Amino acid sequence: MMKLTLAGLAAIFALVLAAPASAEDVRAGDLVISQAWARATPNGAKIGGGYLTIENKGTTPDRLIGGSGAIAGKMEIHEMAMNNGVMKMRPIDKGLTIEPGKTVKLAPGGYHLMMFDLKSPLKQGEKVPVTLEFEKAGKVTVSLDVQAVGAQGPGGDHSGHGDHSGHMDMKKM
């Protein structure tokens, strides 16, 4: 009976090791970057979005001022916001402030890393390295775990929202 239990535990352990791991936390000065991910893009798409969580464990504010990576010609920090009943996207020209002791989430429908002129499609299951640039913490490279097209969070969470990719022609953006 004990051998069966140990064999069962060994099998469970092997399955856990084989499962895809979520992005690891990355430190940059007083900042902790976690849950870095992106949505897969269709073939031919020239834009993509990156999402992550930034926690400031320090005593002074810092700002995310940009990003770069071999996957895209240009990266900017953008915000989606309702304006007079219309959802609009705009760049955050002066950067995104992370106050001390606070956490800022870059997520679908809000702040995000906008990747322009993609060199190739973002494919589900890939890990895409990008370099984030902070005003004080400097540059740090994180790996975006590419999730399904309609994902709402890391780990492929669709949160019952379905795949809305057909609502927008991503080639024209």
N, C-alpha and C. Protein backbone atom coordinates (compact mmCIF):
# COMPACT_ATOMS: atom_id res chain seq x y z
N MET A 1 0.83 -1.19 0.00
CA MET A 1 0.00 0.00 0.00
C MET A 1 0.87 1.25 0.00
N MET A 2 1.95 1.24 0.77
CA MET A 2 2.83 2.40 0.83
C MET A 2 3.51 2.63 -0.51
N LYS A 3 3.88 1.57 -1.24
CA LYS A 3 4.51 1.72 -2.55
C LYS A 3 3.55 2.39 -3.52
N LEU A 4 2.28 2.05 -3.47
CA LEU A 4 1.28 2.66 -4.34
C LEU A 4 1.17 4.15 -4.03
N THR A 5 1.20 4.51 -2.79
CA THR A 5 1.10 5.91 -2.40
C THR A 5 2.34 6.68 -2.88
N LEU A 6 3.52 6.12 -2.69
CA LEU A 6 4.73 6.77 -3.16
C LEU A 6 4.75 6.87 -4.68
N ALA A 7 4.29 5.84 -5.36
CA ALA A 7 4.23 5.87 -6.82
C ALA A 7 3.24 6.94 -7.29
N GLY A 8 2.12 7.03 -6.60
CA GLY A 8 1.12 8.05 -6.94
C GLY A 8 1.67 9.45 -6.74
N LEU A 9 2.37 9.65 -5.62
CA LEU A 9 2.99 10.95 -5.36
C LEU A 9 4.05 11.28 -6.41
N ALA A 10 4.82 10.29 -6.80
CA ALA A 10 5.85 10.50 -7.82
C ALA A 10 5.20 10.89 -9.15
N ALA A 11 4.08 10.26 -9.49
CA ALA A 11 3.39 10.59 -10.73
C ALA A 11 2.84 12.02 -10.69
N ILE A 12 2.27 12.40 -9.57
CA ILE A 12 1.74 13.77 -9.42
C ILE A 12 2.89 14.77 -9.52
N PHE A 13 4.00 14.48 -8.87
CA PHE A 13 5.16 15.36 -8.92
C PHE A 13 5.65 15.52 -10.35
N ALA A 14 5.69 14.43 -11.10
CA ALA A 14 6.14 14.49 -12.50
C ALA A 14 5.19 15.34 -13.34
N LEU A 15 3.89 15.23 -13.09
CA LEU A 15 2.92 16.04 -13.82
C LEU A 15 3.07 17.53 -13.50
N VAL A 16 3.31 17.84 -12.25
CA VAL A 16 3.51 19.23 -11.85
C VAL A 16 4.74 19.81 -12.54
N LEU A 17 5.81 19.04 -12.60
CA LEU A 17 7.03 19.52 -13.26
C LEU A 17 6.82 19.70 -14.75
N ALA A 18 5.98 18.89 -15.37
CA ALA A 18 5.74 18.96 -16.80
C ALA A 18 4.79 20.09 -17.18
N ALA A 19 3.99 20.57 -16.23
CA ALA A 19 3.03 21.64 -16.52
C ALA A 19 3.76 22.94 -16.80
N PRO A 20 3.19 23.79 -17.68
CA PRO A 20 3.85 25.05 -17.96
C PRO A 20 3.92 25.92 -16.71
N ALA A 21 5.07 26.48 -16.47
CA ALA A 21 5.26 27.33 -15.30
C ALA A 21 4.84 28.75 -15.64
N SER A 22 4.33 29.47 -14.66
CA SER A 22 4.01 30.87 -14.88
C SER A 22 5.31 31.67 -14.83
N ALA A 23 5.24 32.88 -15.35
CA ALA A 23 6.43 33.73 -15.37
C ALA A 23 6.95 33.95 -13.96
N GLU A 24 8.25 33.94 -13.84
CA GLU A 24 8.87 34.17 -12.54
C GLU A 24 8.89 35.66 -12.23
N ASP A 25 8.88 35.98 -10.95
CA ASP A 25 9.01 37.36 -10.53
C ASP A 25 10.42 37.85 -10.87
N VAL A 26 10.49 39.10 -11.29
CA VAL A 26 11.76 39.73 -11.64
C VAL A 26 11.87 41.00 -10.81
N ARG A 27 13.06 41.22 -10.22
CA ARG A 27 13.29 42.44 -9.42
C ARG A 27 14.09 43.45 -10.24
N ALA A 28 13.70 44.71 -10.06
CA ALA A 28 14.44 45.83 -10.64
C ALA A 28 14.46 46.93 -9.59
N GLY A 29 15.56 47.06 -8.87
CA GLY A 29 15.61 48.01 -7.76
C GLY A 29 14.57 47.62 -6.73
N ASP A 30 13.69 48.56 -6.37
CA ASP A 30 12.63 48.29 -5.39
C ASP A 30 11.36 47.72 -6.02
N LEU A 31 11.39 47.48 -7.33
CA LEU A 31 10.21 47.00 -8.04
C LEU A 31 10.25 45.49 -8.20
N VAL A 32 9.06 44.87 -8.12
CA VAL A 32 8.91 43.45 -8.41
C VAL A 32 7.92 43.33 -9.55
N ILE A 33 8.37 42.72 -10.66
CA ILE A 33 7.53 42.54 -11.84
C ILE A 33 7.11 41.07 -11.86
N SER A 34 5.80 40.85 -11.97
CA SER A 34 5.28 39.48 -11.97
C SER A 34 4.17 39.34 -13.01
N GLN A 35 3.75 38.11 -13.24
CA GLN A 35 2.64 37.78 -14.13
C GLN A 35 2.77 38.45 -15.49
N ALA A 36 3.95 38.38 -16.09
CA ALA A 36 4.20 38.98 -17.40
C ALA A 36 3.67 38.03 -18.49
N TRP A 37 2.78 38.56 -19.33
CA TRP A 37 2.18 37.72 -20.36
C TRP A 37 1.73 38.58 -21.54
N ALA A 38 1.41 37.92 -22.63
CA ALA A 38 0.89 38.57 -23.82
C ALA A 38 -0.15 37.65 -24.45
N ARG A 39 -1.00 38.21 -25.28
CA ARG A 39 -1.96 37.42 -26.05
C ARG A 39 -1.33 37.02 -27.38
N ALA A 40 -1.64 35.81 -27.83
CA ALA A 40 -1.22 35.39 -29.15
C ALA A 40 -1.85 36.31 -30.19
N THR A 41 -1.17 36.47 -31.31
CA THR A 41 -1.68 37.31 -32.39
C THR A 41 -1.87 36.46 -33.65
N PRO A 42 -2.84 36.84 -34.48
CA PRO A 42 -3.02 36.11 -35.74
C PRO A 42 -1.87 36.41 -36.71
N ASN A 43 -1.68 35.52 -37.68
CA ASN A 43 -0.66 35.75 -38.70
C ASN A 43 -0.94 37.08 -39.38
N GLY A 44 0.10 37.85 -39.62
CA GLY A 44 -0.03 39.13 -40.30
C GLY A 44 -0.31 40.31 -39.38
N ALA A 45 -0.65 40.06 -38.13
CA ALA A 45 -0.91 41.16 -37.20
C ALA A 45 0.37 41.95 -36.98
N LYS A 46 0.26 43.24 -36.93
CA LYS A 46 1.42 44.10 -36.74
C LYS A 46 1.50 44.70 -35.34
N ILE A 47 0.49 44.45 -34.51
CA ILE A 47 0.49 44.95 -33.14
C ILE A 47 0.19 43.83 -32.16
N GLY A 48 0.60 44.03 -30.92
CA GLY A 48 0.30 43.09 -29.85
C GLY A 48 0.33 43.82 -28.52
N GLY A 49 -0.23 43.18 -27.50
CA GLY A 49 -0.27 43.78 -26.18
C GLY A 49 0.46 42.91 -25.17
N GLY A 50 1.16 43.57 -24.26
CA GLY A 50 1.84 42.89 -23.17
C GLY A 50 1.26 43.36 -21.84
N TYR A 51 1.19 42.45 -20.88
CA TYR A 51 0.55 42.72 -19.60
C TYR A 51 1.44 42.19 -18.48
N LEU A 52 1.39 42.86 -17.33
CA LEU A 52 2.19 42.43 -16.19
C LEU A 52 1.76 43.20 -14.95
N THR A 53 2.31 42.81 -13.83
CA THR A 53 2.03 43.47 -12.56
C THR A 53 3.35 44.01 -12.01
N ILE A 54 3.31 45.26 -11.54
CA ILE A 54 4.51 45.90 -10.98
C ILE A 54 4.19 46.34 -9.55
N GLU A 55 4.98 45.85 -8.61
CA GLU A 55 4.82 46.23 -7.21
C GLU A 55 6.04 47.06 -6.79
N ASN A 56 5.79 48.20 -6.17
CA ASN A 56 6.86 49.05 -5.67
C ASN A 56 7.02 48.81 -4.18
N LYS A 57 8.10 48.14 -3.80
CA LYS A 57 8.37 47.83 -2.39
C LYS A 57 9.24 48.90 -1.74
N GLY A 58 9.54 49.97 -2.47
CA GLY A 58 10.41 51.01 -1.96
C GLY A 58 9.65 52.14 -1.27
N THR A 59 10.37 53.22 -1.02
CA THR A 59 9.80 54.38 -0.33
C THR A 59 9.65 55.59 -1.25
N THR A 60 10.05 55.44 -2.52
CA THR A 60 9.91 56.53 -3.49
C THR A 60 9.22 56.01 -4.75
N PRO A 61 8.50 56.88 -5.46
CA PRO A 61 7.85 56.44 -6.69
C PRO A 61 8.87 56.15 -7.78
N ASP A 62 8.46 55.34 -8.75
CA ASP A 62 9.25 55.08 -9.95
C ASP A 62 8.28 55.14 -11.11
N ARG A 63 8.80 55.23 -12.33
CA ARG A 63 7.93 55.30 -13.50
C ARG A 63 8.39 54.32 -14.57
N LEU A 64 7.45 53.59 -15.14
CA LEU A 64 7.70 52.78 -16.32
C LEU A 64 7.64 53.74 -17.50
N ILE A 65 8.76 53.94 -18.19
CA ILE A 65 8.80 54.95 -19.25
C ILE A 65 8.89 54.36 -20.65
N GLY A 66 9.09 53.06 -20.77
CA GLY A 66 9.13 52.47 -22.10
C GLY A 66 9.52 51.01 -22.08
N GLY A 67 9.66 50.48 -23.28
CA GLY A 67 10.04 49.09 -23.44
C GLY A 67 10.65 48.88 -24.81
N SER A 68 11.32 47.75 -24.97
CA SER A 68 11.91 47.40 -26.25
C SER A 68 12.06 45.89 -26.31
N GLY A 69 12.28 45.40 -27.51
CA GLY A 69 12.50 43.97 -27.69
C GLY A 69 12.64 43.63 -29.15
N ALA A 70 13.31 42.54 -29.43
CA ALA A 70 13.54 42.12 -30.81
C ALA A 70 12.23 41.78 -31.54
N ILE A 71 11.17 41.47 -30.80
CA ILE A 71 9.90 41.05 -31.41
C ILE A 71 9.18 42.21 -32.09
N ALA A 72 9.44 43.45 -31.67
CA ALA A 72 8.69 44.60 -32.17
C ALA A 72 9.59 45.75 -32.57
N GLY A 73 9.13 46.54 -33.55
CA GLY A 73 9.87 47.71 -33.97
C GLY A 73 9.83 48.82 -32.94
N LYS A 74 8.72 48.87 -32.17
CA LYS A 74 8.55 49.94 -31.18
C LYS A 74 7.61 49.46 -30.09
N MET A 75 7.83 49.92 -28.86
CA MET A 75 6.95 49.61 -27.74
C MET A 75 6.63 50.90 -26.98
N GLU A 76 5.37 51.02 -26.56
CA GLU A 76 4.92 52.17 -25.79
C GLU A 76 4.01 51.69 -24.67
N ILE A 77 3.87 52.53 -23.65
CA ILE A 77 2.91 52.28 -22.58
C ILE A 77 1.61 52.96 -23.01
N HIS A 78 0.51 52.21 -23.01
CA HIS A 78 -0.79 52.75 -23.43
C HIS A 78 -1.83 52.53 -22.34
N GLU A 79 -2.93 53.26 -22.47
CA GLU A 79 -4.06 53.11 -21.57
C GLU A 79 -5.34 53.04 -22.39
N MET A 80 -6.20 52.11 -22.02
CA MET A 80 -7.56 52.05 -22.56
C MET A 80 -8.46 52.66 -21.50
N ALA A 81 -9.33 53.59 -21.91
CA ALA A 81 -10.22 54.23 -20.95
C ALA A 81 -11.50 54.67 -21.64
N MET A 82 -12.60 54.67 -20.88
CA MET A 82 -13.88 55.15 -21.39
C MET A 82 -13.87 56.66 -21.41
N ASN A 83 -14.28 57.24 -22.55
CA ASN A 83 -14.36 58.67 -22.70
C ASN A 83 -15.68 58.99 -23.40
N ASN A 84 -16.63 59.56 -22.65
CA ASN A 84 -17.96 59.86 -23.19
C ASN A 84 -18.63 58.63 -23.80
N GLY A 85 -18.52 57.51 -23.11
CA GLY A 85 -19.16 56.28 -23.55
C GLY A 85 -18.43 55.53 -24.65
N VAL A 86 -17.25 56.00 -25.03
CA VAL A 86 -16.46 55.36 -26.07
C VAL A 86 -15.12 54.92 -25.49
N MET A 87 -14.76 53.64 -25.73
CA MET A 87 -13.48 53.14 -25.27
C MET A 87 -12.39 53.68 -26.19
N LYS A 88 -11.41 54.35 -25.61
CA LYS A 88 -10.31 54.93 -26.39
C LYS A 88 -8.98 54.46 -25.84
N MET A 89 -8.00 54.36 -26.75
CA MET A 89 -6.65 53.99 -26.36
C MET A 89 -5.75 55.18 -26.62
N ARG A 90 -4.85 55.43 -25.66
CA ARG A 90 -3.92 56.53 -25.83
C ARG A 90 -2.57 56.17 -25.21
N PRO A 91 -1.49 56.72 -25.78
CA PRO A 91 -0.18 56.49 -25.16
C PRO A 91 -0.04 57.29 -23.88
N ILE A 92 0.73 56.75 -22.94
CA ILE A 92 1.05 57.45 -21.69
C ILE A 92 2.44 58.07 -21.91
N ASP A 93 2.44 59.30 -22.40
CA ASP A 93 3.68 59.94 -22.85
C ASP A 93 4.72 60.13 -21.76
N LYS A 94 4.31 60.43 -20.55
CA LYS A 94 5.28 60.70 -19.48
C LYS A 94 5.55 59.48 -18.61
N GLY A 95 5.04 58.33 -19.02
CA GLY A 95 5.28 57.11 -18.27
C GLY A 95 4.20 56.83 -17.24
N LEU A 96 4.24 55.63 -16.71
CA LEU A 96 3.27 55.14 -15.75
C LEU A 96 3.92 55.11 -14.36
N THR A 97 3.39 55.92 -13.45
CA THR A 97 3.97 56.02 -12.10
C THR A 97 3.52 54.85 -11.23
N ILE A 98 4.48 54.29 -10.51
CA ILE A 98 4.21 53.24 -9.52
C ILE A 98 4.59 53.84 -8.17
N GLU A 99 3.58 54.19 -7.39
CA GLU A 99 3.80 54.84 -6.09
C GLU A 99 4.37 53.83 -5.10
N PRO A 100 5.12 54.31 -4.08
CA PRO A 100 5.68 53.40 -3.07
C PRO A 100 4.58 52.65 -2.33
N GLY A 101 4.82 51.36 -2.14
CA GLY A 101 3.86 50.53 -1.43
C GLY A 101 2.64 50.15 -2.25
N LYS A 102 2.61 50.51 -3.52
CA LYS A 102 1.46 50.23 -4.37
C LYS A 102 1.81 49.22 -5.45
N THR A 103 0.76 48.65 -6.04
CA THR A 103 0.89 47.71 -7.15
C THR A 103 0.08 48.23 -8.32
N VAL A 104 0.68 48.20 -9.51
CA VAL A 104 0.00 48.61 -10.73
C VAL A 104 -0.08 47.41 -11.66
N LYS A 105 -1.29 47.16 -12.18
CA LYS A 105 -1.51 46.04 -13.08
C LYS A 105 -1.68 46.55 -14.50
N LEU A 106 -0.90 46.01 -15.42
CA LEU A 106 -1.11 46.23 -16.84
C LEU A 106 -1.95 45.04 -17.29
N ALA A 107 -3.19 45.31 -17.73
CA ALA A 107 -4.14 44.23 -18.02
C ALA A 107 -5.03 44.64 -19.18
N PRO A 108 -5.66 43.67 -19.85
CA PRO A 108 -6.58 44.00 -20.94
C PRO A 108 -7.64 45.00 -20.48
N GLY A 109 -7.89 46.00 -21.31
CA GLY A 109 -8.89 47.00 -20.99
C GLY A 109 -8.38 48.14 -20.13
N GLY A 110 -7.09 48.15 -19.83
CA GLY A 110 -6.49 49.21 -19.00
C GLY A 110 -5.11 49.56 -19.52
N TYR A 111 -4.16 49.75 -18.61
CA TYR A 111 -2.79 49.99 -19.01
C TYR A 111 -2.22 48.74 -19.66
N HIS A 112 -1.36 48.92 -20.66
CA HIS A 112 -0.72 47.78 -21.30
C HIS A 112 0.53 48.23 -22.05
N LEU A 113 1.37 47.27 -22.37
CA LEU A 113 2.55 47.49 -23.18
C LEU A 113 2.13 47.26 -24.62
N MET A 114 2.14 48.31 -25.44
CA MET A 114 1.72 48.21 -26.83
C MET A 114 2.94 47.94 -27.70
N MET A 115 2.91 46.83 -28.43
CA MET A 115 4.02 46.43 -29.30
C MET A 115 3.61 46.69 -30.74
N PHE A 116 4.38 47.54 -31.44
CA PHE A 116 4.10 47.90 -32.83
C PHE A 116 5.09 47.22 -33.77
N ASP A 117 4.66 47.02 -35.01
CA ASP A 117 5.52 46.45 -36.05
C ASP A 117 6.12 45.12 -35.62
N LEU A 118 5.23 44.19 -35.21
CA LEU A 118 5.70 42.86 -34.81
C LEU A 118 6.49 42.21 -35.93
N LYS A 119 7.61 41.62 -35.57
CA LYS A 119 8.47 40.95 -36.55
C LYS A 119 7.92 39.57 -36.93
N SER A 120 7.16 38.98 -36.01
CA SER A 120 6.51 37.70 -36.26
C SER A 120 5.32 37.59 -35.30
N PRO A 121 4.38 36.69 -35.59
CA PRO A 121 3.22 36.56 -34.69
C PRO A 121 3.65 36.07 -33.31
N LEU A 122 2.89 36.49 -32.30
CA LEU A 122 3.09 35.97 -30.95
C LEU A 122 2.30 34.66 -30.90
N LYS A 123 2.97 33.56 -30.64
CA LYS A 123 2.34 32.24 -30.68
C LYS A 123 2.15 31.68 -29.28
N GLN A 124 0.95 31.16 -29.03
CA GLN A 124 0.62 30.59 -27.74
C GLN A 124 1.68 29.56 -27.33
N GLY A 125 2.13 29.67 -26.08
CA GLY A 125 3.14 28.75 -25.55
C GLY A 125 4.55 29.30 -25.62
N GLU A 126 4.78 30.33 -26.43
CA GLU A 126 6.11 30.93 -26.51
C GLU A 126 6.38 31.83 -25.32
N LYS A 127 7.65 32.11 -25.11
CA LYS A 127 8.09 33.09 -24.12
C LYS A 127 8.83 34.17 -24.91
N VAL A 128 8.37 35.41 -24.78
CA VAL A 128 8.93 36.51 -25.56
C VAL A 128 9.66 37.47 -24.62
N PRO A 129 10.99 37.63 -24.79
CA PRO A 129 11.72 38.56 -23.92
C PRO A 129 11.49 40.00 -24.35
N VAL A 130 11.20 40.86 -23.38
CA VAL A 130 11.10 42.30 -23.62
C VAL A 130 11.87 43.00 -22.50
N THR A 131 12.39 44.17 -22.82
CA THR A 131 13.11 44.96 -21.83
C THR A 131 12.26 46.15 -21.45
N LEU A 132 11.96 46.25 -20.17
CA LEU A 132 11.20 47.38 -19.64
C LEU A 132 12.20 48.42 -19.14
N GLU A 133 11.84 49.69 -19.31
CA GLU A 133 12.72 50.76 -18.82
C GLU A 133 11.99 51.60 -17.79
N PHE A 134 12.60 51.69 -16.61
CA PHE A 134 12.06 52.47 -15.51
C PHE A 134 12.95 53.69 -15.27
N GLU A 135 12.34 54.78 -14.83
CA GLU A 135 13.07 56.01 -14.58
C GLU A 135 14.20 55.82 -13.57
N LYS A 136 13.93 55.13 -12.46
CA LYS A 136 14.92 54.95 -11.40
C LYS A 136 15.54 53.56 -11.40
N ALA A 137 14.74 52.54 -11.58
CA ALA A 137 15.23 51.16 -11.50
C ALA A 137 16.02 50.76 -12.75
N GLY A 138 15.91 51.55 -13.83
CA GLY A 138 16.66 51.25 -15.04
C GLY A 138 15.98 50.20 -15.91
N LYS A 139 16.80 49.51 -16.69
CA LYS A 139 16.28 48.52 -17.63
C LYS A 139 16.29 47.13 -17.01
N VAL A 140 15.23 46.36 -17.30
CA VAL A 140 15.13 44.99 -16.82
C VAL A 140 14.41 44.16 -17.88
N THR A 141 14.91 42.96 -18.13
CA THR A 141 14.30 42.08 -19.11
C THR A 141 13.37 41.10 -18.42
N VAL A 142 12.15 41.00 -18.97
CA VAL A 142 11.17 40.03 -18.49
C VAL A 142 10.74 39.17 -19.66
N SER A 143 10.18 38.03 -19.36
CA SER A 143 9.71 37.12 -20.39
C SER A 143 8.18 37.09 -20.37
N LEU A 144 7.56 37.47 -21.50
CA LEU A 144 6.11 37.43 -21.61
C LEU A 144 5.69 36.02 -22.01
N ASP A 145 4.86 35.38 -21.19
CA ASP A 145 4.31 34.07 -21.53
C ASP A 145 3.12 34.30 -22.45
N VAL A 146 3.20 33.81 -23.69
CA VAL A 146 2.14 34.06 -24.66
C VAL A 146 0.98 33.09 -24.42
N GLN A 147 -0.20 33.68 -24.19
CA GLN A 147 -1.43 32.94 -23.91
C GLN A 147 -2.33 32.94 -25.16
N ALA A 148 -3.47 32.32 -25.08
CA ALA A 148 -4.42 32.25 -26.19
C ALA A 148 -4.89 33.65 -26.58
N VAL A 149 -5.39 33.80 -27.80
CA VAL A 149 -5.86 35.08 -28.32
C VAL A 149 -6.85 35.76 -27.37
N GLY A 150 -7.83 35.03 -26.84
CA GLY A 150 -8.85 35.65 -25.99
C GLY A 150 -8.56 35.64 -24.51
N ALA A 151 -7.34 35.29 -24.12
CA ALA A 151 -7.01 35.19 -22.69
C ALA A 151 -7.21 36.52 -21.98
N GLN A 152 -7.65 36.44 -20.72
CA GLN A 152 -7.83 37.63 -19.89
C GLN A 152 -6.78 37.74 -18.80
N GLY A 153 -5.90 36.74 -18.72
CA GLY A 153 -4.86 36.77 -17.70
C GLY A 153 -3.87 35.65 -17.92
N PRO A 154 -2.78 35.65 -17.16
CA PRO A 154 -1.79 34.59 -17.30
C PRO A 154 -2.41 33.24 -16.99
N GLY A 155 -1.91 32.23 -17.66
CA GLY A 155 -2.45 30.89 -17.47
C GLY A 155 -3.62 30.61 -18.38
N GLY A 156 -3.89 31.53 -19.34
CA GLY A 156 -4.93 31.31 -20.33
C GLY A 156 -6.33 31.53 -19.81
N ASP A 157 -6.49 32.27 -18.72
CA ASP A 157 -7.81 32.55 -18.14
C ASP A 157 -8.67 33.32 -19.12
N HIS A 158 -9.76 32.73 -19.54
CA HIS A 158 -10.69 33.40 -20.45
C HIS A 158 -11.83 34.06 -19.68
N SER A 159 -11.97 33.76 -18.43
CA SER A 159 -12.96 34.37 -17.54
C SER A 159 -14.35 34.47 -18.15
N GLY A 160 -14.70 33.50 -18.99
CA GLY A 160 -16.04 33.48 -19.57
C GLY A 160 -16.27 34.54 -20.62
N HIS A 161 -15.22 35.25 -21.04
CA HIS A 161 -15.39 36.33 -21.99
C HIS A 161 -15.38 35.85 -23.43
N GLY A 162 -14.86 34.68 -23.71
CA GLY A 162 -14.82 34.19 -25.08
C GLY A 162 -13.74 34.89 -25.88
N ASP A 163 -13.61 34.49 -27.14
CA ASP A 163 -12.62 35.05 -28.04
C ASP A 163 -13.25 36.18 -28.82
N HIS A 164 -12.82 37.40 -28.54
CA HIS A 164 -13.38 38.57 -29.21
C HIS A 164 -12.45 39.08 -30.29
N SER A 165 -11.50 38.28 -30.74
CA SER A 165 -10.51 38.75 -31.69
C SER A 165 -11.12 39.15 -33.03
N GLY A 166 -12.28 38.61 -33.37
CA GLY A 166 -12.91 38.94 -34.63
C GLY A 166 -13.55 40.31 -34.66
N HIS A 167 -13.58 41.01 -33.54
CA HIS A 167 -14.22 42.32 -33.47
C HIS A 167 -13.32 43.43 -33.97
N MET A 168 -12.05 43.16 -34.19
CA MET A 168 -11.11 44.21 -34.53
C MET A 168 -10.16 43.69 -35.59
N ASP A 169 -9.92 44.47 -36.65
CA ASP A 169 -8.93 44.09 -37.64
C ASP A 169 -7.57 44.58 -37.16
N MET A 170 -6.81 43.66 -36.57
CA MET A 170 -5.54 44.03 -35.95
C MET A 170 -4.50 44.45 -37.00
N LYS A 171 -4.69 44.10 -38.28
CA LYS A 171 -3.74 44.49 -39.32
C LYS A 171 -3.79 45.99 -39.59
N LYS A 172 -4.91 46.62 -39.29
CA LYS A 172 -5.07 48.04 -39.57
C LYS A 172 -4.63 48.93 -38.43
N MET A 173 -4.22 48.35 -37.31
CA MET A 173 -3.87 49.17 -36.15
C MET A 173 -2.39 49.46 -36.13
